[in-house]
Amino acid sequence: MITLLMLFLCAGNVKAQEESWEEVEPDTVIDAAHDLILKLQPLLIGEVRLSYEKLRVAKVSNEYGIGYVYRAFLKEDGSYTALDGKRVNGVSIRMSQRHYTTKKQKAPFGFFHGPLFGYRFLVFEKDALGVTDASRSIGRLYQNSMDLSYQLGWQLLLDDHFTMEVAGSLGGRAKYARATGAEELLVDNIYGHHLMQDRDAIFSVVPLPQLKLSVGYSF
């Protein structure tokens, strides 16, 4: 009698555990076949960037990216409508968190949203500020910038491993640019709303709308 009772209780526990697994599986189990994605952005202008996305839990991931910046833009003749591309050597870092909300697809696929942070350090080519007076000594232009945005997007699985992502973000960028003795040339060439300035440096902010197309490989 006691043996039958123990068997009955064990069977009940197993059934309850199976039902519990079935209830939580869609939202708590990570898709091990696609929990890591390596990505490139083929249409990115002036930069080559490699990034990877890693699932933290079933519906939340973190993405990290690092890039080499080879071209950046200054105002041409002080105009916001005419941007002049300059050669630079620079590095960019991007970090974001993504929350996936599509119920019919497992993360990291479907609709996502979340905050995005970025940092860039740029060293411009010599004479990037366009100094025409040979008697005037101007130092090389350096620029640090920090971005904070919020992004929305959709990520697709194209076949067993290849992925594509389309996303947009809106936020702002704070920039600190420095060139020894540049003075008014910083105002004329650095675009954005200028908050502070001295003889050698300027601090400005600018709105930052962005569109992104990425292709990747998941595993």
N, C-alpha and C. Protein backbone atom coordinates (compact mmCIF):
# COMPACT_ATOMS: atom_id res chain seq x y z
N MET A 1 0.83 -1.21 0.00
CA MET A 1 0.00 0.00 0.00
C MET A 1 0.87 1.27 0.00
N ILE A 2 1.87 1.23 0.86
CA ILE A 2 2.76 2.39 0.95
C ILE A 2 3.50 2.58 -0.37
N THR A 3 3.92 1.46 -0.99
CA THR A 3 4.64 1.53 -2.26
C THR A 3 3.77 2.14 -3.35
N LEU A 4 2.50 1.74 -3.41
CA LEU A 4 1.58 2.30 -4.40
C LEU A 4 1.38 3.80 -4.20
N LEU A 5 1.29 4.21 -2.94
CA LEU A 5 1.10 5.64 -2.63
C LEU A 5 2.31 6.45 -3.08
N MET A 6 3.52 5.92 -2.86
CA MET A 6 4.73 6.63 -3.28
C MET A 6 4.82 6.73 -4.79
N LEU A 7 4.45 5.66 -5.50
CA LEU A 7 4.45 5.70 -6.95
C LEU A 7 3.46 6.74 -7.47
N PHE A 8 2.29 6.83 -6.84
CA PHE A 8 1.27 7.80 -7.24
C PHE A 8 1.77 9.24 -7.05
N LEU A 9 2.44 9.49 -5.92
CA LEU A 9 2.96 10.84 -5.65
C LEU A 9 4.07 11.21 -6.62
N CYS A 10 4.95 10.25 -6.93
CA CYS A 10 6.04 10.52 -7.88
C CYS A 10 5.50 10.83 -9.26
N ALA A 11 4.50 10.07 -9.69
CA ALA A 11 3.90 10.31 -11.00
C ALA A 11 3.26 11.69 -11.06
N GLY A 12 2.60 12.08 -9.96
CA GLY A 12 1.99 13.40 -9.92
C GLY A 12 3.02 14.50 -9.99
N ASN A 13 4.17 14.34 -9.32
CA ASN A 13 5.22 15.35 -9.35
C ASN A 13 5.82 15.47 -10.73
N VAL A 14 6.05 14.34 -11.41
CA VAL A 14 6.61 14.37 -12.76
C VAL A 14 5.68 15.08 -13.72
N LYS A 15 4.38 14.78 -13.62
CA LYS A 15 3.40 15.43 -14.50
C LYS A 15 3.35 16.93 -14.26
N ALA A 16 3.36 17.33 -13.00
CA ALA A 16 3.32 18.76 -12.68
C ALA A 16 4.56 19.48 -13.19
N GLN A 17 5.73 18.81 -13.08
CA GLN A 17 6.97 19.43 -13.57
C GLN A 17 6.95 19.57 -15.07
N GLU A 18 6.43 18.55 -15.80
CA GLU A 18 6.34 18.64 -17.25
C GLU A 18 5.43 19.78 -17.67
N GLU A 19 4.28 19.92 -16.98
CA GLU A 19 3.36 21.02 -17.30
C GLU A 19 4.02 22.36 -17.04
N SER A 20 4.81 22.45 -15.94
CA SER A 20 5.50 23.71 -15.62
C SER A 20 6.49 24.06 -16.71
N TRP A 21 7.25 23.05 -17.19
CA TRP A 21 8.21 23.32 -18.27
C TRP A 21 7.50 23.80 -19.52
N GLU A 22 6.38 23.19 -19.85
CA GLU A 22 5.65 23.58 -21.05
C GLU A 22 5.15 25.01 -20.95
N GLU A 23 4.77 25.43 -19.75
CA GLU A 23 4.23 26.78 -19.57
C GLU A 23 5.32 27.85 -19.70
N VAL A 24 6.53 27.58 -19.19
CA VAL A 24 7.56 28.62 -19.14
C VAL A 24 8.51 28.56 -20.33
N GLU A 25 8.49 27.49 -21.10
CA GLU A 25 9.50 27.32 -22.14
C GLU A 25 9.57 28.47 -23.15
N PRO A 26 8.45 29.00 -23.68
CA PRO A 26 8.55 30.05 -24.69
C PRO A 26 9.25 31.31 -24.22
N ASP A 27 9.15 31.63 -22.92
CA ASP A 27 9.66 32.91 -22.44
C ASP A 27 10.97 32.81 -21.68
N THR A 28 11.39 31.60 -21.32
CA THR A 28 12.57 31.51 -20.47
C THR A 28 13.70 30.69 -21.05
N VAL A 29 13.46 29.94 -22.11
CA VAL A 29 14.49 29.08 -22.68
C VAL A 29 15.18 29.80 -23.84
N ILE A 30 16.50 29.93 -23.78
CA ILE A 30 17.27 30.58 -24.83
C ILE A 30 17.40 29.65 -26.03
N ASP A 31 17.25 30.21 -27.23
CA ASP A 31 17.44 29.45 -28.46
C ASP A 31 18.94 29.24 -28.67
N ALA A 32 19.42 28.06 -28.29
CA ALA A 32 20.86 27.79 -28.32
C ALA A 32 21.43 27.78 -29.73
N ALA A 33 20.59 27.57 -30.74
CA ALA A 33 21.08 27.52 -32.12
C ALA A 33 21.38 28.91 -32.68
N HIS A 34 20.85 29.98 -32.02
CA HIS A 34 21.02 31.34 -32.57
C HIS A 34 21.28 32.36 -31.46
N ASP A 35 21.94 31.94 -30.39
CA ASP A 35 22.10 32.88 -29.26
C ASP A 35 23.26 33.83 -29.44
N LEU A 36 24.04 33.69 -30.53
CA LEU A 36 25.14 34.60 -30.83
C LEU A 36 25.13 34.93 -32.32
N ILE A 37 25.23 36.23 -32.65
CA ILE A 37 25.23 36.68 -34.04
C ILE A 37 26.40 37.62 -34.26
N LEU A 38 27.22 37.34 -35.28
CA LEU A 38 28.27 38.25 -35.73
C LEU A 38 27.74 39.06 -36.90
N LYS A 39 28.00 40.38 -36.94
CA LYS A 39 27.36 41.27 -37.90
C LYS A 39 28.33 42.24 -38.54
N LEU A 40 27.97 42.64 -39.78
CA LEU A 40 28.61 43.73 -40.50
C LEU A 40 27.53 44.68 -41.01
N GLN A 41 27.91 45.96 -41.18
CA GLN A 41 27.01 46.96 -41.76
C GLN A 41 27.57 47.40 -43.11
N PRO A 42 27.11 46.82 -44.20
CA PRO A 42 27.71 47.07 -45.51
C PRO A 42 27.49 48.47 -46.05
N LEU A 43 26.46 49.18 -45.59
CA LEU A 43 26.14 50.50 -46.13
C LEU A 43 26.63 51.64 -45.24
N LEU A 44 27.38 51.35 -44.23
CA LEU A 44 27.86 52.38 -43.31
C LEU A 44 28.88 53.27 -44.01
N ILE A 45 28.68 54.59 -43.92
CA ILE A 45 29.54 55.55 -44.60
C ILE A 45 30.68 56.00 -43.69
N GLY A 46 31.90 55.89 -44.18
CA GLY A 46 33.06 56.40 -43.44
C GLY A 46 33.56 55.52 -42.32
N GLU A 47 33.04 54.30 -42.20
CA GLU A 47 33.41 53.44 -41.07
C GLU A 47 33.24 51.98 -41.43
N VAL A 48 34.13 51.15 -40.93
CA VAL A 48 34.00 49.69 -41.01
C VAL A 48 33.76 49.19 -39.59
N ARG A 49 32.62 48.52 -39.39
CA ARG A 49 32.23 48.13 -38.03
C ARG A 49 31.88 46.65 -37.97
N LEU A 50 32.39 46.00 -36.94
CA LEU A 50 32.06 44.61 -36.63
C LEU A 50 31.37 44.57 -35.27
N SER A 51 30.27 43.84 -35.19
CA SER A 51 29.55 43.77 -33.93
C SER A 51 29.06 42.35 -33.68
N TYR A 52 28.74 42.09 -32.43
CA TYR A 52 28.14 40.80 -32.11
C TYR A 52 27.02 41.00 -31.09
N GLU A 53 26.02 40.14 -31.20
CA GLU A 53 24.86 40.18 -30.31
C GLU A 53 24.78 38.86 -29.56
N LYS A 54 24.56 38.93 -28.25
CA LYS A 54 24.52 37.75 -27.41
C LYS A 54 23.27 37.80 -26.53
N LEU A 55 22.49 36.73 -26.56
CA LEU A 55 21.31 36.64 -25.70
C LEU A 55 21.73 36.50 -24.24
N ARG A 56 21.12 37.32 -23.38
CA ARG A 56 21.33 37.20 -21.93
C ARG A 56 20.29 36.27 -21.33
N VAL A 57 19.03 36.53 -21.67
CA VAL A 57 17.91 35.65 -21.32
C VAL A 57 17.08 35.48 -22.58
N ALA A 58 15.95 34.79 -22.48
CA ALA A 58 15.23 34.40 -23.69
C ALA A 58 14.78 35.58 -24.55
N LYS A 59 14.45 36.71 -23.95
CA LYS A 59 13.91 37.84 -24.71
C LYS A 59 14.76 39.11 -24.62
N VAL A 60 15.95 39.02 -24.05
CA VAL A 60 16.80 40.19 -23.88
C VAL A 60 18.22 39.85 -24.34
N SER A 61 18.80 40.75 -25.14
CA SER A 61 20.17 40.54 -25.60
C SER A 61 20.98 41.82 -25.44
N ASN A 62 22.30 41.67 -25.48
CA ASN A 62 23.22 42.79 -25.53
C ASN A 62 23.99 42.73 -26.84
N GLU A 63 24.22 43.90 -27.44
CA GLU A 63 25.01 43.98 -28.67
C GLU A 63 26.19 44.90 -28.42
N TYR A 64 27.38 44.49 -28.88
CA TYR A 64 28.61 45.26 -28.75
C TYR A 64 29.24 45.39 -30.13
N GLY A 65 29.73 46.59 -30.42
CA GLY A 65 30.35 46.81 -31.72
C GLY A 65 31.60 47.67 -31.60
N ILE A 66 32.57 47.40 -32.48
CA ILE A 66 33.77 48.23 -32.55
C ILE A 66 34.07 48.50 -34.02
N GLY A 67 34.48 49.73 -34.31
CA GLY A 67 34.69 50.10 -35.70
C GLY A 67 35.92 50.96 -35.91
N TYR A 68 36.41 50.93 -37.15
CA TYR A 68 37.49 51.83 -37.58
C TYR A 68 36.87 52.93 -38.43
N VAL A 69 37.06 54.18 -38.02
CA VAL A 69 36.50 55.34 -38.72
C VAL A 69 37.58 55.94 -39.61
N TYR A 70 37.30 56.04 -40.91
CA TYR A 70 38.29 56.57 -41.84
C TYR A 70 37.83 57.86 -42.52
N ARG A 71 36.59 58.28 -42.28
CA ARG A 71 36.11 59.53 -42.87
C ARG A 71 35.07 60.16 -41.95
N ALA A 72 35.16 61.47 -41.77
CA ALA A 72 34.20 62.22 -40.96
C ALA A 72 33.91 63.54 -41.66
N PHE A 73 32.88 64.23 -41.18
CA PHE A 73 32.39 65.39 -41.91
C PHE A 73 32.42 66.65 -41.04
N LEU A 74 32.86 67.73 -41.67
CA LEU A 74 32.85 69.06 -41.08
C LEU A 74 31.94 69.95 -41.92
N LYS A 75 31.55 71.09 -41.34
CA LYS A 75 30.81 72.07 -42.12
C LYS A 75 31.73 72.68 -43.17
N GLU A 76 31.22 72.84 -44.37
CA GLU A 76 32.01 73.44 -45.44
C GLU A 76 31.63 74.92 -45.57
N ASP A 77 32.61 75.80 -45.40
CA ASP A 77 32.39 77.25 -45.46
C ASP A 77 31.34 77.70 -44.45
N GLY A 78 31.30 77.03 -43.30
CA GLY A 78 30.37 77.42 -42.25
C GLY A 78 28.93 77.07 -42.52
N SER A 79 28.63 76.28 -43.53
CA SER A 79 27.25 75.97 -43.89
C SER A 79 26.83 74.61 -43.36
N TYR A 80 25.61 74.53 -42.80
CA TYR A 80 25.09 73.26 -42.31
C TYR A 80 24.57 72.40 -43.46
N THR A 81 24.33 72.98 -44.61
CA THR A 81 23.78 72.22 -45.73
C THR A 81 24.88 71.63 -46.63
N ALA A 82 26.13 72.05 -46.42
CA ALA A 82 27.23 71.54 -47.23
C ALA A 82 28.28 70.94 -46.30
N LEU A 83 28.37 69.60 -46.28
CA LEU A 83 29.31 68.92 -45.42
C LEU A 83 30.52 68.46 -46.23
N ASP A 84 31.69 68.64 -45.66
CA ASP A 84 32.94 68.34 -46.35
C ASP A 84 33.59 67.14 -45.67
N GLY A 85 33.72 66.01 -46.40
CA GLY A 85 34.32 64.81 -45.85
C GLY A 85 35.83 64.96 -45.68
N LYS A 86 36.34 64.57 -44.52
CA LYS A 86 37.77 64.65 -44.23
C LYS A 86 38.29 63.28 -43.86
N ARG A 87 39.54 63.02 -44.21
CA ARG A 87 40.17 61.77 -43.81
C ARG A 87 40.49 61.81 -42.31
N VAL A 88 40.19 60.72 -41.63
CA VAL A 88 40.47 60.63 -40.20
C VAL A 88 41.01 59.23 -39.90
N ASN A 89 41.63 59.13 -38.75
CA ASN A 89 41.91 57.84 -38.12
C ASN A 89 41.17 57.84 -36.79
N GLY A 90 40.26 56.91 -36.64
CA GLY A 90 39.45 56.93 -35.44
C GLY A 90 38.90 55.57 -35.08
N VAL A 91 38.37 55.50 -33.88
CA VAL A 91 37.77 54.27 -33.38
C VAL A 91 36.39 54.59 -32.82
N SER A 92 35.46 53.66 -32.99
CA SER A 92 34.12 53.83 -32.44
C SER A 92 33.74 52.59 -31.65
N ILE A 93 32.98 52.80 -30.59
CA ILE A 93 32.48 51.71 -29.74
C ILE A 93 30.99 51.92 -29.55
N ARG A 94 30.21 50.86 -29.69
CA ARG A 94 28.76 50.94 -29.51
C ARG A 94 28.30 49.78 -28.63
N MET A 95 27.35 50.10 -27.74
CA MET A 95 26.76 49.09 -26.86
C MET A 95 25.26 49.33 -26.80
N SER A 96 24.49 48.26 -26.83
CA SER A 96 23.03 48.41 -26.75
C SER A 96 22.42 47.22 -26.05
N GLN A 97 21.23 47.43 -25.54
CA GLN A 97 20.43 46.35 -24.97
C GLN A 97 19.13 46.27 -25.76
N ARG A 98 18.70 45.04 -26.07
CA ARG A 98 17.52 44.84 -26.91
C ARG A 98 16.49 43.99 -26.17
N HIS A 99 15.26 44.44 -26.26
CA HIS A 99 14.13 43.70 -25.70
C HIS A 99 13.26 43.24 -26.87
N TYR A 100 13.14 41.94 -27.05
CA TYR A 100 12.34 41.37 -28.14
C TYR A 100 10.92 41.12 -27.65
N THR A 101 9.95 41.54 -28.46
CA THR A 101 8.55 41.48 -28.03
C THR A 101 7.66 40.64 -28.94
N THR A 102 8.19 40.13 -30.06
CA THR A 102 7.37 39.33 -30.97
C THR A 102 7.08 37.97 -30.35
N LYS A 103 5.82 37.65 -30.15
CA LYS A 103 5.45 36.42 -29.45
C LYS A 103 5.61 35.18 -30.33
N LYS A 104 5.45 35.33 -31.65
CA LYS A 104 5.48 34.16 -32.53
C LYS A 104 6.88 33.78 -32.98
N GLN A 105 7.90 34.56 -32.57
CA GLN A 105 9.27 34.26 -32.93
C GLN A 105 10.15 34.27 -31.69
N LYS A 106 11.12 33.36 -31.66
CA LYS A 106 12.08 33.35 -30.57
C LYS A 106 13.16 34.41 -30.81
N ALA A 107 13.58 35.05 -29.74
CA ALA A 107 14.70 35.98 -29.83
C ALA A 107 15.96 35.21 -30.24
N PRO A 108 16.85 35.83 -31.01
CA PRO A 108 16.93 37.26 -31.33
C PRO A 108 16.30 37.64 -32.67
N PHE A 109 15.08 37.20 -32.93
CA PHE A 109 14.41 37.52 -34.18
C PHE A 109 13.04 38.14 -33.89
N GLY A 110 12.62 39.02 -34.81
CA GLY A 110 11.39 39.75 -34.62
C GLY A 110 11.65 41.19 -34.24
N PHE A 111 10.63 41.84 -33.69
CA PHE A 111 10.72 43.26 -33.33
C PHE A 111 11.48 43.42 -32.02
N PHE A 112 12.33 44.47 -31.96
CA PHE A 112 13.07 44.76 -30.73
C PHE A 112 13.15 46.26 -30.50
N HIS A 113 13.44 46.63 -29.29
CA HIS A 113 13.66 48.04 -28.93
C HIS A 113 14.59 48.09 -27.73
N GLY A 114 15.24 49.25 -27.53
CA GLY A 114 16.10 49.40 -26.38
C GLY A 114 17.07 50.56 -26.52
N PRO A 115 17.81 50.87 -25.45
CA PRO A 115 18.76 51.99 -25.45
C PRO A 115 20.05 51.63 -26.18
N LEU A 116 20.71 52.69 -26.67
CA LEU A 116 21.94 52.54 -27.46
C LEU A 116 22.93 53.60 -27.01
N PHE A 117 24.17 53.18 -26.74
CA PHE A 117 25.23 54.10 -26.32
C PHE A 117 26.40 53.99 -27.28
N GLY A 118 27.04 55.11 -27.61
CA GLY A 118 28.18 55.08 -28.50
C GLY A 118 29.26 56.08 -28.10
N TYR A 119 30.50 55.75 -28.49
CA TYR A 119 31.63 56.65 -28.24
C TYR A 119 32.53 56.63 -29.47
N ARG A 120 33.07 57.81 -29.85
CA ARG A 120 34.01 57.90 -30.98
C ARG A 120 35.17 58.81 -30.61
N PHE A 121 36.36 58.41 -31.06
CA PHE A 121 37.54 59.26 -30.95
C PHE A 121 38.14 59.39 -32.35
N LEU A 122 38.32 60.63 -32.81
CA LEU A 122 38.77 60.89 -34.18
C LEU A 122 40.01 61.78 -34.18
N VAL A 123 40.97 61.43 -35.04
CA VAL A 123 42.14 62.26 -35.31
C VAL A 123 42.05 62.67 -36.77
N PHE A 124 41.83 63.95 -37.04
CA PHE A 124 41.64 64.43 -38.40
C PHE A 124 42.97 64.61 -39.13
N GLU A 125 42.88 64.61 -40.45
CA GLU A 125 44.05 64.88 -41.28
C GLU A 125 44.60 66.28 -40.99
N LYS A 126 45.84 66.51 -41.33
CA LYS A 126 46.43 67.83 -41.15
C LYS A 126 45.69 68.85 -42.01
N ASP A 127 45.58 70.08 -41.49
CA ASP A 127 44.91 71.18 -42.18
C ASP A 127 43.45 70.87 -42.49
N ALA A 128 42.80 70.06 -41.65
CA ALA A 128 41.39 69.74 -41.87
C ALA A 128 40.49 70.96 -41.74
N LEU A 129 40.94 71.98 -40.99
CA LEU A 129 40.13 73.18 -40.78
C LEU A 129 40.29 74.19 -41.91
N GLY A 130 41.10 73.89 -42.90
CA GLY A 130 41.20 74.75 -44.08
C GLY A 130 41.88 76.08 -43.83
N VAL A 131 42.98 76.08 -43.11
CA VAL A 131 43.72 77.32 -42.84
C VAL A 131 44.44 77.78 -44.11
N THR A 132 44.19 79.01 -44.51
CA THR A 132 44.83 79.57 -45.73
C THR A 132 45.97 80.52 -45.41
N ASP A 133 46.03 80.99 -44.16
CA ASP A 133 47.08 81.93 -43.76
C ASP A 133 48.31 81.13 -43.35
N ALA A 134 49.39 81.22 -44.15
CA ALA A 134 50.60 80.43 -43.89
C ALA A 134 51.30 80.85 -42.60
N SER A 135 51.05 82.07 -42.14
CA SER A 135 51.71 82.55 -40.93
C SER A 135 50.99 82.12 -39.66
N ARG A 136 49.85 81.49 -39.81
CA ARG A 136 49.05 81.09 -38.65
C ARG A 136 49.28 79.60 -38.36
N SER A 137 49.63 79.30 -37.13
CA SER A 137 49.91 77.93 -36.72
C SER A 137 48.68 77.34 -36.02
N ILE A 138 48.12 76.28 -36.60
CA ILE A 138 46.94 75.62 -36.06
C ILE A 138 47.28 74.16 -35.79
N GLY A 139 46.94 73.70 -34.61
CA GLY A 139 47.20 72.32 -34.27
C GLY A 139 46.24 71.36 -34.97
N ARG A 140 46.57 70.08 -34.94
CA ARG A 140 45.71 69.06 -35.53
C ARG A 140 44.39 68.98 -34.76
N LEU A 141 43.32 68.67 -35.48
CA LEU A 141 41.99 68.59 -34.89
C LEU A 141 41.74 67.20 -34.33
N TYR A 142 41.33 67.15 -33.06
CA TYR A 142 40.92 65.92 -32.39
C TYR A 142 39.47 66.07 -31.93
N GLN A 143 38.74 64.97 -31.94
CA GLN A 143 37.33 65.05 -31.51
C GLN A 143 36.92 63.80 -30.74
N ASN A 144 36.31 64.03 -29.59
CA ASN A 144 35.68 62.98 -28.80
C ASN A 144 34.17 63.19 -28.84
N SER A 145 33.40 62.12 -28.96
CA SER A 145 31.95 62.28 -28.94
C SER A 145 31.30 61.10 -28.22
N MET A 146 30.17 61.39 -27.59
CA MET A 146 29.37 60.37 -26.91
C MET A 146 27.93 60.46 -27.41
N ASP A 147 27.34 59.30 -27.70
CA ASP A 147 25.97 59.23 -28.23
C ASP A 147 25.07 58.51 -27.23
N LEU A 148 23.82 58.95 -27.17
CA LEU A 148 22.80 58.25 -26.40
C LEU A 148 21.51 58.30 -27.20
N SER A 149 20.98 57.13 -27.55
CA SER A 149 19.81 57.04 -28.42
C SER A 149 18.89 55.92 -27.95
N TYR A 150 17.71 55.87 -28.58
CA TYR A 150 16.79 54.75 -28.37
C TYR A 150 16.46 54.19 -29.75
N GLN A 151 16.55 52.88 -29.89
CA GLN A 151 16.40 52.27 -31.20
C GLN A 151 15.21 51.31 -31.26
N LEU A 152 14.66 51.20 -32.47
CA LEU A 152 13.61 50.24 -32.81
C LEU A 152 14.05 49.50 -34.06
N GLY A 153 13.71 48.21 -34.14
CA GLY A 153 14.13 47.49 -35.33
C GLY A 153 13.51 46.12 -35.45
N TRP A 154 13.88 45.43 -36.53
CA TRP A 154 13.38 44.09 -36.81
C TRP A 154 14.55 43.25 -37.34
N GLN A 155 14.69 42.07 -36.81
CA GLN A 155 15.75 41.17 -37.25
C GLN A 155 15.15 39.88 -37.81
N LEU A 156 15.66 39.47 -38.98
CA LEU A 156 15.13 38.31 -39.69
C LEU A 156 16.18 37.22 -39.78
N LEU A 157 15.71 35.96 -39.77
CA LEU A 157 16.55 34.82 -40.06
C LEU A 157 16.30 34.45 -41.52
N LEU A 158 17.33 34.63 -42.37
CA LEU A 158 17.16 34.42 -43.81
C LEU A 158 17.20 32.94 -44.19
N ASP A 159 18.07 32.16 -43.53
CA ASP A 159 18.09 30.71 -43.72
C ASP A 159 18.51 30.09 -42.39
N ASP A 160 19.25 29.02 -42.40
CA ASP A 160 19.61 28.37 -41.14
C ASP A 160 20.50 29.24 -40.26
N HIS A 161 21.31 30.12 -40.87
CA HIS A 161 22.27 30.89 -40.07
C HIS A 161 22.36 32.37 -40.44
N PHE A 162 22.15 32.73 -41.70
CA PHE A 162 22.33 34.12 -42.11
C PHE A 162 21.15 34.98 -41.66
N THR A 163 21.46 36.21 -41.22
CA THR A 163 20.45 37.11 -40.67
C THR A 163 20.52 38.47 -41.36
N MET A 164 19.45 39.24 -41.23
CA MET A 164 19.41 40.62 -41.70
C MET A 164 18.64 41.44 -40.68
N GLU A 165 19.11 42.65 -40.46
CA GLU A 165 18.49 43.54 -39.48
C GLU A 165 18.30 44.93 -40.09
N VAL A 166 17.13 45.51 -39.85
CA VAL A 166 16.83 46.89 -40.22
C VAL A 166 16.40 47.62 -38.96
N ALA A 167 17.04 48.73 -38.65
CA ALA A 167 16.75 49.44 -37.40
C ALA A 167 16.90 50.94 -37.60
N GLY A 168 16.23 51.68 -36.74
CA GLY A 168 16.36 53.13 -36.70
C GLY A 168 16.48 53.59 -35.27
N SER A 169 17.17 54.69 -35.06
CA SER A 169 17.33 55.22 -33.70
C SER A 169 17.26 56.74 -33.73
N LEU A 170 16.92 57.30 -32.59
CA LEU A 170 16.85 58.75 -32.44
C LEU A 170 17.40 59.11 -31.08
N GLY A 171 18.30 60.11 -31.08
CA GLY A 171 18.90 60.53 -29.83
C GLY A 171 19.75 61.76 -30.03
N GLY A 172 20.86 61.84 -29.32
CA GLY A 172 21.72 63.01 -29.40
C GLY A 172 23.19 62.64 -29.27
N ARG A 173 24.04 63.54 -29.74
CA ARG A 173 25.49 63.35 -29.66
C ARG A 173 26.11 64.59 -29.03
N ALA A 174 26.97 64.38 -28.03
CA ALA A 174 27.75 65.46 -27.42
C ALA A 174 29.18 65.35 -27.92
N LYS A 175 29.77 66.48 -28.39
CA LYS A 175 31.08 66.45 -29.02
C LYS A 175 32.02 67.47 -28.36
N TYR A 176 33.25 67.00 -28.15
CA TYR A 176 34.31 67.89 -27.67
C TYR A 176 35.43 67.86 -28.70
N ALA A 177 35.64 69.00 -29.37
CA ALA A 177 36.65 69.10 -30.41
C ALA A 177 37.76 70.05 -29.95
N ARG A 178 39.00 69.69 -30.30
CA ARG A 178 40.13 70.50 -29.85
C ARG A 178 41.17 70.61 -30.96
N ALA A 179 41.64 71.85 -31.18
CA ALA A 179 42.74 72.13 -32.09
C ALA A 179 43.43 73.40 -31.60
N THR A 180 44.68 73.31 -31.26
CA THR A 180 45.41 74.43 -30.65
C THR A 180 45.38 75.66 -31.56
N GLY A 181 44.89 76.78 -31.00
CA GLY A 181 44.88 78.04 -31.73
C GLY A 181 43.81 78.16 -32.80
N ALA A 182 42.82 77.26 -32.83
CA ALA A 182 41.84 77.28 -33.92
C ALA A 182 40.80 78.39 -33.76
N GLU A 183 40.42 78.72 -32.53
CA GLU A 183 39.48 79.80 -32.23
C GLU A 183 38.22 79.74 -33.11
N GLU A 184 38.01 80.76 -33.97
CA GLU A 184 36.76 80.87 -34.75
C GLU A 184 36.61 79.74 -35.78
N LEU A 185 37.71 79.08 -36.14
CA LEU A 185 37.62 77.99 -37.11
C LEU A 185 36.84 76.80 -36.55
N LEU A 186 36.86 76.63 -35.24
CA LEU A 186 36.08 75.57 -34.63
C LEU A 186 34.58 75.84 -34.80
N VAL A 187 34.18 77.09 -34.60
CA VAL A 187 32.77 77.46 -34.79
C VAL A 187 32.36 77.28 -36.25
N ASP A 188 33.26 77.63 -37.16
CA ASP A 188 32.94 77.57 -38.59
C ASP A 188 32.87 76.14 -39.13
N ASN A 189 33.57 75.20 -38.48
CA ASN A 189 33.69 73.86 -39.05
C ASN A 189 33.00 72.76 -38.27
N ILE A 190 32.80 72.92 -36.97
CA ILE A 190 32.15 71.88 -36.16
C ILE A 190 30.66 72.15 -36.14
N TYR A 191 29.89 71.20 -36.68
CA TYR A 191 28.44 71.40 -36.71
C TYR A 191 27.80 70.97 -35.40
N GLY A 192 26.66 71.61 -35.08
CA GLY A 192 25.95 71.35 -33.84
C GLY A 192 25.66 72.65 -33.11
N HIS A 193 24.96 72.54 -31.98
CA HIS A 193 24.67 73.69 -31.13
C HIS A 193 25.83 73.87 -30.16
N HIS A 194 26.56 75.00 -30.27
CA HIS A 194 27.77 75.21 -29.49
C HIS A 194 27.41 75.71 -28.09
N LEU A 195 27.81 74.94 -27.10
CA LEU A 195 27.48 75.29 -25.72
C LEU A 195 28.61 76.05 -25.03
N MET A 196 29.85 75.63 -25.28
CA MET A 196 31.01 76.29 -24.65
C MET A 196 32.16 76.33 -25.64
N GLN A 197 32.99 77.37 -25.51
CA GLN A 197 34.13 77.50 -26.40
C GLN A 197 35.23 78.31 -25.74
N ASP A 198 36.48 77.90 -26.01
CA ASP A 198 37.62 78.75 -25.66
C ASP A 198 38.54 78.82 -26.88
N ARG A 199 39.76 79.28 -26.69
CA ARG A 199 40.66 79.49 -27.82
C ARG A 199 41.01 78.20 -28.56
N ASP A 200 41.05 77.09 -27.84
CA ASP A 200 41.53 75.84 -28.43
C ASP A 200 40.47 74.75 -28.55
N ALA A 201 39.30 74.93 -27.98
CA ALA A 201 38.35 73.82 -27.93
C ALA A 201 36.91 74.32 -27.99
N ILE A 202 36.02 73.40 -28.32
CA ILE A 202 34.60 73.73 -28.38
C ILE A 202 33.79 72.50 -27.96
N PHE A 203 32.69 72.74 -27.26
CA PHE A 203 31.78 71.67 -26.83
C PHE A 203 30.42 71.92 -27.46
N SER A 204 29.87 70.92 -28.14
CA SER A 204 28.61 71.11 -28.85
C SER A 204 27.76 69.85 -28.75
N VAL A 205 26.47 70.01 -29.04
CA VAL A 205 25.53 68.90 -29.07
C VAL A 205 24.77 68.96 -30.39
N VAL A 206 24.33 67.78 -30.85
CA VAL A 206 23.65 67.70 -32.13
C VAL A 206 22.65 66.56 -32.07
N PRO A 207 21.45 66.70 -32.69
CA PRO A 207 20.53 65.56 -32.77
C PRO A 207 21.12 64.45 -33.62
N LEU A 208 20.71 63.20 -33.35
CA LEU A 208 21.35 62.07 -34.00
C LEU A 208 20.31 61.03 -34.46
N PRO A 209 19.64 61.29 -35.59
CA PRO A 209 18.80 60.24 -36.18
C PRO A 209 19.68 59.29 -37.00
N GLN A 210 19.43 58.00 -36.91
CA GLN A 210 20.24 57.02 -37.61
C GLN A 210 19.40 55.89 -38.16
N LEU A 211 19.79 55.38 -39.33
CA LEU A 211 19.22 54.17 -39.92
C LEU A 211 20.33 53.14 -40.08
N LYS A 212 19.99 51.86 -39.91
CA LYS A 212 21.02 50.83 -39.94
C LYS A 212 20.50 49.59 -40.67
N LEU A 213 21.37 49.06 -41.53
CA LEU A 213 21.12 47.77 -42.18
C LEU A 213 22.32 46.88 -41.86
N SER A 214 22.06 45.73 -41.25
CA SER A 214 23.11 44.80 -40.88
C SER A 214 22.84 43.43 -41.46
N VAL A 215 23.91 42.74 -41.82
CA VAL A 215 23.82 41.33 -42.19
C VAL A 215 24.71 40.56 -41.22
N GLY A 216 24.30 39.33 -40.91
CA GLY A 216 25.05 38.59 -39.90
C GLY A 216 24.98 37.10 -40.08
N TYR A 217 25.69 36.42 -39.18
CA TYR A 217 25.73 34.96 -39.17
C TYR A 217 25.49 34.52 -37.73
N SER A 218 24.49 33.70 -37.52
CA SER A 218 24.11 33.27 -36.17
C SER A 218 24.56 31.84 -35.92
N PHE A 219 24.90 31.61 -34.66
CA PHE A 219 25.29 30.24 -34.25
C PHE A 219 25.17 30.12 -32.74
